[in-house]
Amino acid sequence: MKLVRAAALFVCLAVLGGCAAVALTAGGIAGGAGVDHTLNGIAYKTFAAPIDNVRLATLKTLKRMDMGVRNDAKTETGWEITAAAIEREINIELEAVTQRATRMRVVVSKGDLFFKDAATGTEIIVQTAEALAQQAKR
């Protein structure tokens, strides 16, 4: 029985070895920025900042990245911001977790509904974090 388990484990490790390398690389890149992703390319981050500060930093980031804001609307739980770039639709949800913590969700769709641009979503979050840091210095 031990031999069967060992053989099954060996086969799994051999087959999934390439997947692990890709997952570790992607996780390392996102982890370095403090950004979480779902498997379908949606980027998330919780900031230790009030929702109004995160919203202003997000709008500044979109302007700096030349992404035209199409909608900036208050929702029951926070704000919903939509913007556009070349062949991309950007949807950002800001949700107040507490008075001093805000969760940001970024979905960047390219072309059709199924292809997500996680790299651009991550960069929006990273640039928003930088804009928040600059706000805090003032």
Protein backbone atom coordinates (compact mmCIF):
# COMPACT_ATOMS: atom_id res chain seq x y z
CA MET A 1 0.00 0.00 0.00
CA LYS A 2 2.87 2.35 0.81
CA LEU A 3 4.38 1.64 -2.59
CA VAL A 4 1.10 2.58 -4.35
CA ARG A 5 0.88 5.84 -2.40
CA ALA A 6 4.49 6.70 -3.14
CA ALA A 7 4.00 5.97 -6.84
CA ALA A 8 0.82 8.08 -6.96
CA LEU A 9 2.60 10.95 -5.20
CA PHE A 10 5.53 10.72 -7.60
CA VAL A 11 3.21 10.82 -10.63
CA CYS A 12 1.34 13.83 -9.24
CA LEU A 13 4.56 15.70 -8.54
CA ALA A 14 5.94 14.93 -11.99
CA VAL A 15 2.76 16.01 -13.77
CA LEU A 16 2.09 19.12 -11.70
CA GLY A 17 5.68 20.32 -11.43
CA GLY A 18 5.34 22.85 -14.24
CA CYS A 19 2.10 24.21 -12.81
CA ALA A 20 3.74 24.76 -9.44
CA ALA A 21 6.54 26.79 -10.99
CA VAL A 22 4.08 29.02 -12.80
CA ALA A 23 1.92 29.40 -9.68
CA LEU A 24 4.92 30.23 -7.50
CA THR A 25 6.18 32.83 -9.99
CA ALA A 26 2.79 34.51 -10.33
CA GLY A 27 2.26 34.34 -6.57
CA GLY A 28 5.68 35.84 -5.94
CA ILE A 29 5.04 38.76 -8.26
CA ALA A 30 1.62 39.51 -6.82
CA GLY A 31 2.78 38.87 -3.27
CA GLY A 32 5.57 41.39 -3.65
CA ALA A 33 2.98 44.04 -4.41
CA GLY A 34 0.62 42.83 -1.68
CA VAL A 35 -2.07 42.13 -4.26
CA ASP A 36 -4.27 39.04 -4.23
CA HIS A 37 -5.74 37.50 -7.39
CA THR A 38 -8.49 35.10 -8.18
CA LEU A 39 -7.90 32.48 -10.84
CA ASN A 40 -9.94 34.53 -13.31
CA GLY A 41 -7.68 37.60 -13.14
CA ILE A 42 -9.48 39.82 -10.62
CA ALA A 43 -7.10 41.77 -8.37
CA TYR A 44 -7.85 42.65 -4.74
CA LYS A 45 -6.19 44.63 -1.98
CA THR A 46 -7.26 46.00 1.37
CA PHE A 47 -5.78 49.37 2.28
CA ALA A 48 -5.39 50.72 5.81
CA ALA A 49 -6.99 54.01 4.76
CA PRO A 50 -10.46 55.55 4.76
CA ILE A 51 -12.56 54.98 1.65
CA ASP A 52 -12.52 58.68 0.67
CA ASN A 53 -8.71 58.70 0.63
CA VAL A 54 -8.58 55.50 -1.44
CA ARG A 55 -11.15 56.91 -3.89
CA LEU A 56 -9.13 60.11 -4.43
CA ALA A 57 -5.91 58.11 -4.86
CA THR A 58 -7.67 55.81 -7.35
CA LEU A 59 -8.96 58.74 -9.42
CA LYS A 60 -5.48 60.29 -9.40
CA THR A 61 -3.99 56.97 -10.53
CA LEU A 62 -6.46 56.57 -13.39
CA LYS A 63 -5.71 60.12 -14.56
CA ARG A 64 -1.94 59.52 -14.37
CA MET A 65 -2.34 56.28 -16.35
CA ASP A 66 -4.46 58.12 -18.97
CA MET A 67 -7.52 55.96 -18.29
CA GLY A 68 -10.65 58.00 -18.82
CA VAL A 69 -13.17 57.77 -15.98
CA ARG A 70 -16.64 56.99 -17.31
CA ASN A 71 -18.47 56.59 -14.03
CA ASP A 72 -17.78 57.43 -10.39
CA ALA A 73 -20.85 56.50 -8.36
CA LYS A 74 -21.56 55.97 -4.69
CA THR A 75 -23.01 52.56 -3.83
CA GLU A 76 -24.50 51.10 -0.65
CA THR A 77 -21.12 49.77 0.44
CA GLY A 78 -18.72 52.31 -1.07
CA TRP A 79 -17.91 53.46 -4.60
CA GLU A 80 -17.95 52.00 -8.08
CA ILE A 81 -15.60 53.50 -10.64
CA THR A 82 -15.46 52.56 -14.31
CA ALA A 83 -12.79 53.71 -16.72
CA ALA A 84 -11.52 52.91 -20.18
CA ALA A 85 -8.18 52.38 -21.87
CA ILE A 86 -7.27 51.09 -25.32
CA GLU A 87 -9.37 47.93 -25.81
CA ARG A 88 -9.89 47.66 -22.04
CA GLU A 89 -12.76 48.25 -19.66
CA ILE A 90 -11.75 48.88 -16.04
CA ASN A 91 -14.19 48.24 -13.18
CA ILE A 92 -13.15 49.22 -9.68
CA GLU A 93 -15.15 48.61 -6.53
CA LEU A 94 -14.19 50.28 -3.27
CA GLU A 95 -15.79 48.85 -0.17
CA ALA A 96 -15.50 50.27 3.35
CA VAL A 97 -14.40 47.45 5.63
CA THR A 98 -14.15 49.81 8.60
CA GLN A 99 -13.81 53.58 8.89
CA ARG A 100 -10.06 53.14 8.39
CA ALA A 101 -9.86 50.14 6.05
CA THR A 102 -10.96 49.91 2.42
CA ARG A 103 -11.07 46.90 0.12
CA MET A 104 -10.36 47.51 -3.56
CA ARG A 105 -11.42 45.10 -6.31
CA VAL A 106 -10.14 45.71 -9.85
CA VAL A 107 -11.33 43.91 -12.97
CA VAL A 108 -9.75 44.82 -16.30
CA SER A 109 -11.52 43.22 -19.25
CA LYS A 110 -9.81 43.14 -22.62
CA GLY A 111 -11.91 42.54 -25.69
CA ASP A 112 -14.52 40.03 -24.62
CA LEU A 113 -15.96 39.15 -21.24
CA PHE A 114 -13.64 36.21 -20.68
CA PHE A 115 -10.14 37.69 -21.03
CA LYS A 116 -8.96 39.59 -17.95
CA ASP A 117 -5.83 41.71 -17.83
CA ALA A 118 -4.53 40.96 -14.33
CA ALA A 119 -1.26 42.82 -14.91
CA THR A 120 -3.05 46.12 -15.55
CA GLY A 121 -5.34 45.52 -12.56
CA THR A 122 -2.31 44.91 -10.37
CA GLU A 123 -0.59 48.05 -11.63
CA ILE A 124 -3.68 50.16 -10.85
CA ILE A 125 -3.57 48.84 -7.28
CA VAL A 126 0.19 49.40 -6.94
CA GLN A 127 -0.09 52.96 -8.28
CA THR A 128 -3.06 53.66 -5.98
CA ALA A 129 -0.97 52.49 -3.01
CA GLU A 130 1.80 54.86 -4.10
CA ALA A 131 -0.68 57.75 -4.41
CA LEU A 132 -1.97 56.97 -0.91
CA ALA A 133 1.59 57.04 0.44
CA GLN A 134 2.11 60.46 -1.17
CA GLN A 135 -1.16 61.69 0.40
CA ALA A 136 0.05 60.53 3.82
CA LYS A 137 3.32 62.50 3.46
CA ARG A 138 1.44 65.77 3.02
